[in-house]
Amino acid sequence: MPEEPATPSALPRRTGPLQVGDLVQLTDAKGRKHTVTLEPGKLFFTHRGAIAHDDLIGADEGVLVRSDKDAAYLALRPLLSDFTVSMPRGATVVYPKDAAAIVGYLDVFPGAAVLEAGAGSGALSCSLLRAVGPTGRLVSFERRAEFAEVARANVTRFLGGLPAGWHLQVGDLADTDRVVGALESAGLGHVDRVVLDMLAPWDCIDTVVRTLVPGGVLCCYVATTTQLSRMAETIRARTGFTEPDTSELLVRSWHVEGLAVRPDHKMVGHTGFLLVTRRLAPGVRGLARKRRPAPGAYGADYTGPRPGDVPAAGSDAAPESGRARPSGG
């Protein structure tokens, strides 16, 4: 049977004494982590002995608990960043550093309507659902049914049930009519934000144009430079988007012990690129680009739109970026 939608009273508490049904992360002295769901009378077994759930139920968060072999474990509720890197997965997850940036760059607010593709393993869906809150709506599309089931299970486990505002669809976001129908079923005409985490986001531009409100934000998460380049040029060639901002995030931890303060020898490097743009009002073209493309930037055989091209009056075939050709200098 499908899971029941989570109500505010059914959602797991994030603070206070540990209770039945809470997720608890047990960490040993070597930093190894285990996540369990508390149930009365249950035991959790590790290679260093068994831990009784009853020893944790009712205890304050942040206590030390010992196994029957006297091994100590620190008990804390897992943060969303902890949960996403250890969750069961079908597709590769969006890692915490990128999920935080996506929610921030999208400026997702409580009550927002957000369209997501694809749902993958549900890591980004958890962050978006947290951000939109109980009054918001998240419509997630996933092309593969087996990945959608993994996402559903992960979101249900972390949030304690299926949020009433989450609408998970198995289908292709490029099917504009189906997406519009799904939004109508969710009580939405348009959405405030769109995030595309998929192989070919340029295939979904028509859907974005049809569903994203003026002023709304589009964020694309892609893995390679060729995907990034193609998506940026597709945005520039369409009417009604701002100049895309592109970036990637690199995280480098530091070793700090006494006077030994230095960068760690390993870091979280490239995971993906972010491209962010905003929808303009109907019929409005973007501002003229002020910088000239580098010679050869598009290659000798490139025949598509270029940022400096000026469309002929009344022409639909010319680039629709609205950028005037730079003059001299």
C-alpha atoms as a PDB file:
ATOM      1  CA  MET A   1       0.000   0.000   0.000  1.00  0.00           C
ATOM      2  CA  PRO A   2       1.229   3.564  -0.647  1.00  0.00           C
ATOM      3  CA  GLU A   3       2.652   5.463   2.287  1.00  0.00           C
ATOM      4  CA  GLU A   4       0.403   7.926   4.063  1.00  0.00           C
ATOM      5  CA  PRO A   5       1.223  11.614   3.576  1.00  0.00           C
ATOM      6  CA  ALA A   6       3.118  13.014   6.532  1.00  0.00           C
ATOM      7  CA  THR A   7       1.289  15.495   8.718  1.00  0.00           C
ATOM      8  CA  PRO A   8       3.110  18.140  10.784  1.00  0.00           C
ATOM      9  CA  SER A   9       2.501  16.094  13.949  1.00  0.00           C
ATOM     10  CA  ALA A  10       3.849  12.917  12.292  1.00  0.00           C
ATOM     11  CA  LEU A  11       7.100  14.462  11.094  1.00  0.00           C
ATOM     12  CA  PRO A  12      10.160  13.348  13.066  1.00  0.00           C
ATOM     13  CA  ARG A  13      11.408  15.805  15.667  1.00  0.00           C
ATOM     14  CA  ARG A  14      14.759  17.361  14.967  1.00  0.00           C
ATOM     15  CA  THR A  15      15.550  18.230  18.626  1.00  0.00           C
ATOM     16  CA  GLY A  16      14.761  16.975  22.110  1.00  0.00           C
ATOM     17  CA  PRO A  17      15.051  13.513  23.688  1.00  0.00           C
ATOM     18  CA  LEU A  18      15.300  10.548  21.319  1.00  0.00           C
ATOM     19  CA  GLN A  19      11.966   8.849  20.677  1.00  0.00           C
ATOM     20  CA  VAL A  20      10.576   5.708  19.070  1.00  0.00           C
ATOM     21  CA  GLY A  21      10.727   6.087  15.287  1.00  0.00           C
ATOM     22  CA  ASP A  22      13.603   8.578  15.319  1.00  0.00           C
ATOM     23  CA  LEU A  23      16.594   8.095  13.050  1.00  0.00           C
ATOM     24  CA  VAL A  24      19.784   7.928  15.125  1.00  0.00           C
ATOM     25  CA  GLN A  25      23.345   7.994  13.845  1.00  0.00           C
ATOM     26  CA  LEU A  26      25.847   5.990  15.897  1.00  0.00           C
ATOM     27  CA  THR A  27      29.498   7.013  15.457  1.00  0.00           C
ATOM     28  CA  ASP A  28      32.453   5.099  16.876  1.00  0.00           C
ATOM     29  CA  ALA A  29      35.887   6.411  17.850  1.00  0.00           C
ATOM     30  CA  LYS A  30      37.216   5.882  14.309  1.00  0.00           C
ATOM     31  CA  GLY A  31      34.421   7.936  12.760  1.00  0.00           C
ATOM     32  CA  ARG A  32      32.490   4.979  11.356  1.00  0.00           C
ATOM     33  CA  LYS A  33      28.774   5.762  11.223  1.00  0.00           C
ATOM     34  CA  HIS A  34      25.652   3.605  11.415  1.00  0.00           C
ATOM     35  CA  THR A  35      22.070   4.870  11.068  1.00  0.00           C
ATOM     36  CA  VAL A  36      19.219   3.072  12.823  1.00  0.00           C
ATOM     37  CA  THR A  37      15.501   3.687  13.405  1.00  0.00           C
ATOM     38  CA  LEU A  38      14.630   3.328  17.082  1.00  0.00           C
ATOM     39  CA  GLU A  39      12.196   0.534  17.984  1.00  0.00           C
ATOM     40  CA  PRO A  40      11.385  -0.799  21.467  1.00  0.00           C
ATOM     41  CA  GLY A  41      13.120  -4.076  22.337  1.00  0.00           C
ATOM     42  CA  LYS A  42      15.341  -4.093  19.238  1.00  0.00           C
ATOM     43  CA  LEU A  43      19.102  -4.609  19.120  1.00  0.00           C
ATOM     44  CA  PHE A  44      21.553  -3.117  16.634  1.00  0.00           C
ATOM     45  CA  PHE A  45      24.531  -5.382  15.931  1.00  0.00           C
ATOM     46  CA  THR A  46      28.027  -4.272  14.943  1.00  0.00           C
ATOM     47  CA  HIS A  47      31.356  -6.105  14.845  1.00  0.00           C
ATOM     48  CA  ARG A  48      31.979  -4.516  18.256  1.00  0.00           C
ATOM     49  CA  GLY A  49      28.860  -5.853  19.930  1.00  0.00           C
ATOM     50  CA  ALA A  50      25.121  -5.198  20.181  1.00  0.00           C
ATOM     51  CA  ILE A  51      23.466  -1.929  21.187  1.00  0.00           C
ATOM     52  CA  ALA A  52      20.004  -1.958  22.752  1.00  0.00           C
ATOM     53  CA  HIS A  53      17.547   0.560  21.276  1.00  0.00           C
ATOM     54  CA  ASP A  54      15.978   0.842  24.738  1.00  0.00           C
ATOM     55  CA  ASP A  55      19.235   2.377  25.988  1.00  0.00           C
ATOM     56  CA  LEU A  56      18.649   5.277  23.554  1.00  0.00           C
ATOM     57  CA  ILE A  57      14.882   5.783  23.718  1.00  0.00           C
ATOM     58  CA  GLY A  58      14.204   8.705  26.045  1.00  0.00           C
ATOM     59  CA  ALA A  59      17.874   9.708  26.258  1.00  0.00           C
ATOM     60  CA  ASP A  60      19.112  13.157  25.311  1.00  0.00           C
ATOM     61  CA  GLU A  61      20.659  13.568  21.909  1.00  0.00           C
ATOM     62  CA  GLY A  62      24.451  13.563  22.070  1.00  0.00           C
ATOM     63  CA  VAL A  63      24.831  10.766  24.643  1.00  0.00           C
ATOM     64  CA  LEU A  64      27.411   8.002  24.619  1.00  0.00           C
ATOM     65  CA  VAL A  65      26.011   4.483  24.496  1.00  0.00           C
ATOM     66  CA  ARG A  66      27.992   1.267  24.969  1.00  0.00           C
ATOM     67  CA  SER A  67      27.620  -2.080  23.283  1.00  0.00           C
ATOM     68  CA  ASP A  68      27.599  -5.356  25.184  1.00  0.00           C
ATOM     69  CA  LYS A  69      31.348  -5.545  24.390  1.00  0.00           C
ATOM     70  CA  ASP A  70      31.898  -2.120  26.007  1.00  0.00           C
ATOM     71  CA  ALA A  71      32.488  -0.260  22.737  1.00  0.00           C
ATOM     72  CA  ALA A  72      31.384   3.401  22.956  1.00  0.00           C
ATOM     73  CA  TYR A  73      29.228   5.082  20.316  1.00  0.00           C
ATOM     74  CA  LEU A  74      28.064   8.697  20.068  1.00  0.00           C
ATOM     75  CA  ALA A  75      24.324   8.967  19.361  1.00  0.00           C
ATOM     76  CA  LEU A  76      22.996  11.935  17.366  1.00  0.00           C
ATOM     77  CA  ARG A  77      20.143  12.458  14.945  1.00  0.00           C
ATOM     78  CA  PRO A  78      21.646  12.480  11.434  1.00  0.00           C
ATOM     79  CA  LEU A  79      21.730  15.790   9.626  1.00  0.00           C
ATOM     80  CA  LEU A  80      20.334  15.834   6.111  1.00  0.00           C
ATOM     81  CA  SER A  81      23.919  15.981   4.825  1.00  0.00           C
ATOM     82  CA  ASP A  82      24.729  12.805   6.783  1.00  0.00           C
ATOM     83  CA  PHE A  83      21.631  11.023   5.526  1.00  0.00           C
ATOM     84  CA  THR A  84      22.101  11.814   1.844  1.00  0.00           C
ATOM     85  CA  VAL A  85      25.668  10.516   1.581  1.00  0.00           C
ATOM     86  CA  SER A  86      24.708   7.200   3.215  1.00  0.00           C
ATOM     87  CA  MET A  87      21.199   6.655   1.811  1.00  0.00           C
ATOM     88  CA  PRO A  88      20.381   3.705  -0.463  1.00  0.00           C
ATOM     89  CA  ARG A  89      20.677   4.911  -4.018  1.00  0.00           C
ATOM     90  CA  GLY A  90      19.617   4.087  -7.533  1.00  0.00           C
ATOM     91  CA  ALA A  91      20.976   7.135  -9.348  1.00  0.00           C
ATOM     92  CA  THR A  92      23.971   9.104  -8.084  1.00  0.00           C
ATOM     93  CA  VAL A  93      22.905  11.521  -5.361  1.00  0.00           C
ATOM     94  CA  VAL A  94      23.296  15.292  -5.398  1.00  0.00           C
ATOM     95  CA  TYR A  95      25.887  15.794  -2.659  1.00  0.00           C
ATOM     96  CA  PRO A  96      25.335  18.235   0.218  1.00  0.00           C
ATOM     97  CA  LYS A  97      27.648  20.949  -1.112  1.00  0.00           C
ATOM     98  CA  ASP A  98      25.707  21.102  -4.372  1.00  0.00           C
ATOM     99  CA  ALA A  99      22.243  20.647  -2.834  1.00  0.00           C
ATOM    100  CA  ALA A 100      22.851  23.579  -0.486  1.00  0.00           C
ATOM    101  CA  ALA A 101      23.998  25.769  -3.372  1.00  0.00           C
ATOM    102  CA  ILE A 102      21.035  24.768  -5.547  1.00  0.00           C
ATOM    103  CA  VAL A 103      18.513  25.638  -2.824  1.00  0.00           C
ATOM    104  CA  GLY A 104      20.358  28.909  -2.198  1.00  0.00           C
ATOM    105  CA  TYR A 105      20.757  29.961  -5.842  1.00  0.00           C
ATOM    106  CA  LEU A 106      17.150  29.030  -6.583  1.00  0.00           C
ATOM    107  CA  ASP A 107      16.089  31.110  -3.561  1.00  0.00           C
ATOM    108  CA  VAL A 108      13.500  28.484  -2.628  1.00  0.00           C
ATOM    109  CA  PHE A 109      11.110  29.965  -0.069  1.00  0.00           C
ATOM    110  CA  PRO A 110       8.374  28.550   2.184  1.00  0.00           C
ATOM    111  CA  GLY A 111       5.224  28.049   0.123  1.00  0.00           C
ATOM    112  CA  ALA A 112       7.058  27.979  -3.222  1.00  0.00           C
ATOM    113  CA  ALA A 113       6.029  25.741  -6.108  1.00  0.00           C
ATOM    114  CA  VAL A 114       9.060  23.879  -7.489  1.00  0.00           C
ATOM    115  CA  LEU A 115       9.421  21.587 -10.505  1.00  0.00           C
ATOM    116  CA  GLU A 116      12.274  19.037 -10.362  1.00  0.00           C
ATOM    117  CA  ALA A 117      13.734  16.571 -12.870  1.00  0.00           C
ATOM    118  CA  GLY A 118      15.026  13.980 -12.267  1.00  0.00           C
ATOM    119  CA  ALA A 119      14.306  12.808  -8.793  1.00  0.00           C
ATOM    120  CA  GLY A 120      17.175  10.284  -8.806  1.00  0.00           C
ATOM    121  CA  SER A 121      17.599   8.855  -5.308  1.00  0.00           C
ATOM    122  CA  GLY A 122      15.679  11.664  -3.589  1.00  0.00           C
ATOM    123  CA  ALA A 123      18.609  13.534  -2.013  1.00  0.00           C
ATOM    124  CA  LEU A 124      17.800  16.885  -3.626  1.00  0.00           C
ATOM    125  CA  SER A 125      14.072  16.251  -3.148  1.00  0.00           C
ATOM    126  CA  CYS A 126      14.633  16.126   0.632  1.00  0.00           C
ATOM    127  CA  SER A 127      16.372  19.513   0.560  1.00  0.00           C
ATOM    128  CA  LEU A 128      13.687  21.068  -1.643  1.00  0.00           C
ATOM    129  CA  LEU A 129      10.855  19.711   0.505  1.00  0.00           C
ATOM    130  CA  ARG A 130      12.499  21.137   3.595  1.00  0.00           C
ATOM    131  CA  ALA A 131      12.811  24.527   1.882  1.00  0.00           C
ATOM    132  CA  VAL A 132       9.243  24.801   0.524  1.00  0.00           C
ATOM    133  CA  GLY A 133       7.789  23.783   3.887  1.00  0.00           C
ATOM    134  CA  PRO A 134       4.346  22.333   4.599  1.00  0.00           C
ATOM    135  CA  THR A 135       2.566  24.958   2.472  1.00  0.00           C
ATOM    136  CA  GLY A 136       4.759  24.506  -0.617  1.00  0.00           C
ATOM    137  CA  ARG A 137       4.587  22.102  -3.536  1.00  0.00           C
ATOM    138  CA  LEU A 138       7.309  20.001  -5.154  1.00  0.00           C
ATOM    139  CA  VAL A 139       6.533  18.178  -8.403  1.00  0.00           C
ATOM    140  CA  SER A 140       9.349  15.709  -9.174  1.00  0.00           C
ATOM    141  CA  PHE A 141       9.721  13.880 -12.480  1.00  0.00           C
ATOM    142  CA  GLU A 142      11.848  10.736 -12.853  1.00  0.00           C
ATOM    143  CA  ARG A 143      12.079   8.771 -16.105  1.00  0.00           C
ATOM    144  CA  ARG A 144      12.956   5.428 -14.486  1.00  0.00           C
ATOM    145  CA  ALA A 145      10.369   3.790 -12.245  1.00  0.00           C
ATOM    146  CA  GLU A 146      12.985   1.917 -10.173  1.00  0.00           C
ATOM    147  CA  PHE A 147      14.765   5.184  -9.339  1.00  0.00           C
ATOM    148  CA  ALA A 148      11.442   6.792  -8.406  1.00  0.00           C
ATOM    149  CA  GLU A 149      10.803   3.998  -5.900  1.00  0.00           C
ATOM    150  CA  VAL A 150      14.236   4.526  -4.331  1.00  0.00           C
ATOM    151  CA  ALA A 151      13.542   8.259  -4.080  1.00  0.00           C
ATOM    152  CA  ARG A 152      10.128   7.617  -2.527  1.00  0.00           C
ATOM    153  CA  ALA A 153      11.617   5.266   0.077  1.00  0.00           C
ATOM    154  CA  ASN A 154      14.444   7.651   1.006  1.00  0.00           C
ATOM    155  CA  VAL A 155      12.192  10.689   1.351  1.00  0.00           C
ATOM    156  CA  THR A 156       9.698   8.653   3.390  1.00  0.00           C
ATOM    157  CA  ARG A 157      12.419   7.405   5.736  1.00  0.00           C
ATOM    158  CA  PHE A 158      13.987  10.796   6.359  1.00  0.00           C
ATOM    159  CA  LEU A 159      10.769  12.820   6.691  1.00  0.00           C
ATOM    160  CA  GLY A 160       8.739  10.156   8.471  1.00  0.00           C
ATOM    161  CA  GLY A 161       6.173   9.827   5.679  1.00  0.00           C
ATOM    162  CA  LEU A 162       5.302  11.195   2.260  1.00  0.00           C
ATOM    163  CA  PRO A 163       4.794  14.979   2.488  1.00  0.00           C
ATOM    164  CA  ALA A 164       1.370  16.054   1.277  1.00  0.00           C
ATOM    165  CA  GLY A 165       2.989  18.679  -0.956  1.00  0.00           C
ATOM    166  CA  TRP A 166       5.204  16.211  -2.863  1.00  0.00           C
ATOM    167  CA  HIS A 167       3.980  14.880  -6.201  1.00  0.00           C
ATOM    168  CA  LEU A 168       6.335  12.249  -7.654  1.00  0.00           C
ATOM    169  CA  GLN A 169       5.753  11.409 -11.328  1.00  0.00           C
ATOM    170  CA  VAL A 170       7.323   8.717 -13.509  1.00  0.00           C
ATOM    171  CA  GLY A 171       7.773  10.374 -16.876  1.00  0.00           C
ATOM    172  CA  ASP A 172       9.835  12.701 -19.064  1.00  0.00           C
ATOM    173  CA  LEU A 173       9.904  16.435 -18.359  1.00  0.00           C
ATOM    174  CA  ALA A 174      10.319  17.013 -22.102  1.00  0.00           C
ATOM    175  CA  ASP A 175       6.678  15.907 -22.503  1.00  0.00           C
ATOM    176  CA  THR A 176       5.272  19.382 -21.950  1.00  0.00           C
ATOM    177  CA  ASP A 177       1.590  18.445 -22.090  1.00  0.00           C
ATOM    178  CA  ARG A 178       2.079  15.733 -19.483  1.00  0.00           C
ATOM    179  CA  VAL A 179       3.981  18.111 -17.210  1.00  0.00           C
ATOM    180  CA  VAL A 180       1.249  20.737 -17.494  1.00  0.00           C
ATOM    181  CA  GLY A 181      -1.320  18.055 -16.635  1.00  0.00           C
ATOM    182  CA  ALA A 182       0.707  16.975 -13.596  1.00  0.00           C
ATOM    183  CA  LEU A 183       0.927  20.568 -12.379  1.00  0.00           C
ATOM    184  CA  GLU A 184      -2.822  20.987 -12.775  1.00  0.00           C
ATOM    185  CA  SER A 185      -3.380  17.790 -10.781  1.00  0.00           C
ATOM    186  CA  ALA A 186      -1.213  19.297  -8.041  1.00  0.00           C
ATOM    187  CA  GLY A 187      -3.318  22.450  -8.084  1.00  0.00           C
ATOM    188  CA  LEU A 188      -0.691  24.512  -9.887  1.00  0.00           C
ATOM    189  CA  GLY A 189      -0.836  26.592 -13.042  1.00  0.00           C
ATOM    190  CA  HIS A 190       2.801  27.602 -13.019  1.00  0.00           C
ATOM    191  CA  VAL A 191       5.848  27.090 -10.805  1.00  0.00           C
ATOM    192  CA  ASP A 192       8.188  29.536  -9.105  1.00  0.00           C
ATOM    193  CA  ARG A 193      11.387  27.511  -9.517  1.00  0.00           C
ATOM    194  CA  VAL A 194      12.706  24.747 -11.811  1.00  0.00           C
ATOM    195  CA  VAL A 195      15.735  22.522 -11.210  1.00  0.00           C
ATOM    196  CA  LEU A 196      17.010  20.147 -13.899  1.00  0.00           C
ATOM    197  CA  ASP A 197      19.384  17.356 -12.862  1.00  0.00           C
ATOM    198  CA  MET A 198      19.469  15.280 -16.035  1.00  0.00           C
ATOM    199  CA  LEU A 199      21.535  14.240 -19.036  1.00  0.00           C
ATOM    200  CA  ALA A 200      20.008  16.586 -21.635  1.00  0.00           C
ATOM    201  CA  PRO A 201      18.318  19.550 -19.909  1.00  0.00           C
ATOM    202  CA  TRP A 202      18.150  21.465 -23.213  1.00  0.00           C
ATOM    203  CA  ASP A 203      15.406  19.065 -24.310  1.00  0.00           C
ATOM    204  CA  CYS A 204      13.164  20.543 -21.596  1.00  0.00           C
ATOM    205  CA  ILE A 205      13.423  24.233 -22.455  1.00  0.00           C
ATOM    206  CA  ASP A 206       9.941  24.318 -24.009  1.00  0.00           C
ATOM    207  CA  THR A 207       8.511  22.891 -20.802  1.00  0.00           C
ATOM    208  CA  VAL A 208      10.394  25.456 -18.717  1.00  0.00           C
ATOM    209  CA  VAL A 209       9.141  28.314 -20.907  1.00  0.00           C
ATOM    210  CA  ARG A 210       5.580  27.022 -20.574  1.00  0.00           C
ATOM    211  CA  THR A 211       5.580  26.508 -16.803  1.00  0.00           C
ATOM    212  CA  LEU A 212       8.029  28.939 -15.144  1.00  0.00           C
ATOM    213  CA  VAL A 213       6.603  32.296 -13.996  1.00  0.00           C
ATOM    214  CA  PRO A 214       8.265  35.586 -15.036  1.00  0.00           C
ATOM    215  CA  GLY A 215      11.030  36.241 -12.536  1.00  0.00           C
ATOM    216  CA  GLY A 216      11.240  32.543 -11.712  1.00  0.00           C
ATOM    217  CA  VAL A 217      14.628  30.851 -11.433  1.00  0.00           C
ATOM    218  CA  LEU A 218      15.958  27.893 -13.432  1.00  0.00           C
ATOM    219  CA  CYS A 219      18.954  25.918 -12.133  1.00  0.00           C
ATOM    220  CA  CYS A 220      20.595  23.146 -14.164  1.00  0.00           C
ATOM    221  CA  TYR A 221      23.002  20.629 -12.634  1.00  0.00           C
ATOM    222  CA  VAL A 222      25.234  18.949 -15.232  1.00  0.00           C
ATOM    223  CA  ALA A 223      28.360  16.835 -15.003  1.00  0.00           C
ATOM    224  CA  THR A 224      30.475  17.755 -18.048  1.00  0.00           C
ATOM    225  CA  THR A 225      31.758  20.860 -19.822  1.00  0.00           C
ATOM    226  CA  THR A 226      30.052  19.824 -23.083  1.00  0.00           C
ATOM    227  CA  GLN A 227      26.679  19.660 -21.316  1.00  0.00           C
ATOM    228  CA  LEU A 228      27.351  23.011 -19.664  1.00  0.00           C
ATOM    229  CA  SER A 229      28.276  24.652 -22.972  1.00  0.00           C
ATOM    230  CA  ARG A 230      25.288  23.298 -24.852  1.00  0.00           C
ATOM    231  CA  MET A 231      22.836  24.326 -22.147  1.00  0.00           C
ATOM    232  CA  ALA A 232      24.294  27.840 -21.925  1.00  0.00           C
ATOM    233  CA  GLU A 233      24.055  28.315 -25.700  1.00  0.00           C
ATOM    234  CA  THR A 234      20.500  26.949 -25.732  1.00  0.00           C
ATOM    235  CA  ILE A 235      19.496  29.482 -23.065  1.00  0.00           C
ATOM    236  CA  ARG A 236      21.151  32.310 -25.000  1.00  0.00           C
ATOM    237  CA  ALA A 237      19.354  31.337 -28.192  1.00  0.00           C
ATOM    238  CA  ARG A 238      15.908  31.504 -26.588  1.00  0.00           C
ATOM    239  CA  THR A 239      13.814  34.563 -25.879  1.00  0.00           C
ATOM    240  CA  GLY A 240      13.102  35.426 -22.293  1.00  0.00           C
ATOM    241  CA  PHE A 241      16.046  34.360 -20.107  1.00  0.00           C
ATOM    242  CA  THR A 242      18.792  36.309 -18.395  1.00  0.00           C
ATOM    243  CA  GLU A 243      22.441  35.641 -19.220  1.00  0.00           C
ATOM    244  CA  PRO A 244      23.224  32.312 -17.494  1.00  0.00           C
ATOM    245  CA  ASP A 245      25.595  32.264 -14.528  1.00  0.00           C
ATOM    246  CA  THR A 246      27.795  29.161 -14.384  1.00  0.00           C
ATOM    247  CA  SER A 247      29.914  27.804 -11.556  1.00  0.00           C
ATOM    248  CA  GLU A 248      31.178  24.731  -9.724  1.00  0.00           C
ATOM    249  CA  LEU A 249      31.830  24.171  -6.043  1.00  0.00           C
ATOM    250  CA  LEU A 250      34.998  22.671  -4.572  1.00  0.00           C
ATOM    251  CA  VAL A 251      35.284  21.864  -0.867  1.00  0.00           C
ATOM    252  CA  ARG A 252      38.682  21.557   0.817  1.00  0.00           C
ATOM    253  CA  SER A 253      38.855  20.565   4.470  1.00  0.00           C
ATOM    254  CA  TRP A 254      41.713  21.516   6.776  1.00  0.00           C
ATOM    255  CA  HIS A 255      43.768  19.602   9.314  1.00  0.00           C
ATOM    256  CA  VAL A 256      43.859  21.608  12.540  1.00  0.00           C
ATOM    257  CA  GLU A 257      45.781  20.110  15.464  1.00  0.00           C
ATOM    258  CA  GLY A 258      47.918  22.315  17.675  1.00  0.00           C
ATOM    259  CA  LEU A 259      50.359  24.205  15.472  1.00  0.00           C
ATOM    260  CA  ALA A 260      49.843  21.765  12.604  1.00  0.00           C
ATOM    261  CA  VAL A 261      47.364  23.756  10.519  1.00  0.00           C
ATOM    262  CA  ARG A 262      47.346  22.835   6.826  1.00  0.00           C
ATOM    263  CA  PRO A 263      44.981  21.762   4.052  1.00  0.00           C
ATOM    264  CA  ASP A 264      43.981  18.113   4.095  1.00  0.00           C
ATOM    265  CA  HIS A 265      45.623  15.928   1.470  1.00  0.00           C
ATOM    266  CA  LYS A 266      42.247  15.119  -0.099  1.00  0.00           C
ATOM    267  CA  MET A 267      39.261  17.269  -1.011  1.00  0.00           C
ATOM    268  CA  VAL A 268      35.761  17.067  -2.443  1.00  0.00           C
ATOM    269  CA  GLY A 269      36.506  18.220  -5.971  1.00  0.00           C
ATOM    270  CA  HIS A 270      34.337  18.356  -9.061  1.00  0.00           C
ATOM    271  CA  THR A 271      30.905  16.777  -8.795  1.00  0.00           C
ATOM    272  CA  GLY A 272      28.931  18.944 -11.199  1.00  0.00           C
ATOM    273  CA  PHE A 273      28.410  22.366 -12.761  1.00  0.00           C
ATOM    274  CA  LEU A 274      25.582  24.740 -11.863  1.00  0.00           C
ATOM    275  CA  LEU A 275      23.904  26.975 -14.428  1.00  0.00           C
ATOM    276  CA  VAL A 276      21.417  29.547 -13.126  1.00  0.00           C
ATOM    277  CA  THR A 277      19.162  31.861 -15.131  1.00  0.00           C
ATOM    278  CA  ARG A 278      15.877  33.734 -14.640  1.00  0.00           C
ATOM    279  CA  ARG A 279      12.731  33.885 -16.744  1.00  0.00           C
ATOM    280  CA  LEU A 280      11.880  37.281 -18.202  1.00  0.00           C
ATOM    281  CA  ALA A 281       8.445  38.757 -18.862  1.00  0.00           C
ATOM    282  CA  PRO A 282       6.726  37.571 -22.090  1.00  0.00           C
ATOM    283  CA  GLY A 283       8.188  39.250 -25.169  1.00  0.00           C
ATOM    284  CA  VAL A 284      11.159  40.767 -23.318  1.00  0.00           C
ATOM    285  CA  ARG A 285      14.669  40.138 -24.625  1.00  0.00           C
ATOM    286  CA  GLY A 286      17.754  40.046 -22.451  1.00  0.00           C
ATOM    287  CA  LEU A 287      20.139  42.958 -22.120  1.00  0.00           C
ATOM    288  CA  ALA A 288      22.898  43.291 -24.713  1.00  0.00           C
ATOM    289  CA  ARG A 289      26.012  41.370 -23.870  1.00  0.00           C
ATOM    290  CA  LYS A 290      28.923  43.726 -23.292  1.00  0.00           C
ATOM    291  CA  ARG A 291      31.844  41.399 -23.909  1.00  0.00           C
ATOM    292  CA  ARG A 292      32.965  40.031 -27.258  1.00  0.00           C
ATOM    293  CA  PRO A 293      33.387  36.222 -27.603  1.00  0.00           C
ATOM    294  CA  ALA A 294      36.979  35.102 -28.014  1.00  0.00           C
ATOM    295  CA  PRO A 295      38.065  34.406 -31.631  1.00  0.00           C
ATOM    296  CA  GLY A 296      37.420  30.784 -32.464  1.00  0.00           C
ATOM    297  CA  ALA A 297      35.257  30.234 -29.381  1.00  0.00           C
ATOM    298  CA  TYR A 298      32.600  28.540 -31.477  1.00  0.00           C
ATOM    299  CA  GLY A 299      34.848  26.679 -33.952  1.00  0.00           C
ATOM    300  CA  ALA A 300      35.156  27.031 -37.700  1.00  0.00           C
ATOM    301  CA  ASP A 301      32.319  24.571 -38.424  1.00  0.00           C
ATOM    302  CA  TYR A 302      29.791  26.049 -35.969  1.00  0.00           C
ATOM    303  CA  THR A 303      26.640  27.272 -37.734  1.00  0.00           C
ATOM    304  CA  GLY A 304      24.372  27.954 -34.749  1.00  0.00           C
ATOM    305  CA  PRO A 305      23.551  31.229 -32.981  1.00  0.00           C
ATOM    306  CA  ARG A 306      26.350  33.400 -31.634  1.00  0.00           C
ATOM    307  CA  PRO A 307      26.052  35.936 -28.809  1.00  0.00           C
ATOM    308  CA  GLY A 308      27.013  38.830 -31.118  1.00  0.00           C
ATOM    309  CA  ASP A 309      24.423  38.093 -33.806  1.00  0.00           C
ATOM    310  CA  VAL A 310      21.562  40.557 -34.308  1.00  0.00           C
ATOM    311  CA  PRO A 311      18.262  39.001 -35.472  1.00  0.00           C
ATOM    312  CA  ALA A 312      16.660  40.434 -38.569  1.00  0.00           C
ATOM    313  CA  ALA A 313      13.474  42.389 -37.930  1.00  0.00           C
ATOM    314  CA  GLY A 314      10.537  40.007 -37.597  1.00  0.00           C
ATOM    315  CA  SER A 315      12.755  36.946 -38.001  1.00  0.00           C
ATOM    316  CA  ASP A 316      12.004  33.870 -35.893  1.00  0.00           C
ATOM    317  CA  ALA A 317      15.051  31.983 -37.118  1.00  0.00           C
ATOM    318  CA  ALA A 318      17.630  34.387 -35.710  1.00  0.00           C
ATOM    319  CA  PRO A 319      18.974  34.002 -32.169  1.00  0.00           C
ATOM    320  CA  GLU A 320      16.559  35.302 -29.581  1.00  0.00           C
ATOM    321  CA  SER A 321      18.999  36.397 -26.929  1.00  0.00           C
ATOM    322  CA  GLY A 322      18.564  40.070 -27.769  1.00  0.00           C
ATOM    323  CA  ARG A 323      22.292  40.811 -27.466  1.00  0.00           C
ATOM    324  CA  ALA A 324      23.539  43.501 -29.800  1.00  0.00           C
ATOM    325  CA  ARG A 325      26.795  42.999 -31.708  1.00  0.00           C
ATOM    326  CA  PRO A 326      29.627  44.720 -29.824  1.00  0.00           C
ATOM    327  CA  SER A 327      30.833  47.864 -31.557  1.00  0.00           C
ATOM    328  CA  GLY A 328      34.581  48.313 -31.900  1.00  0.00           C
ATOM    329  CA  GLY A 329      37.203  48.357 -29.182  1.00  0.00           C
END
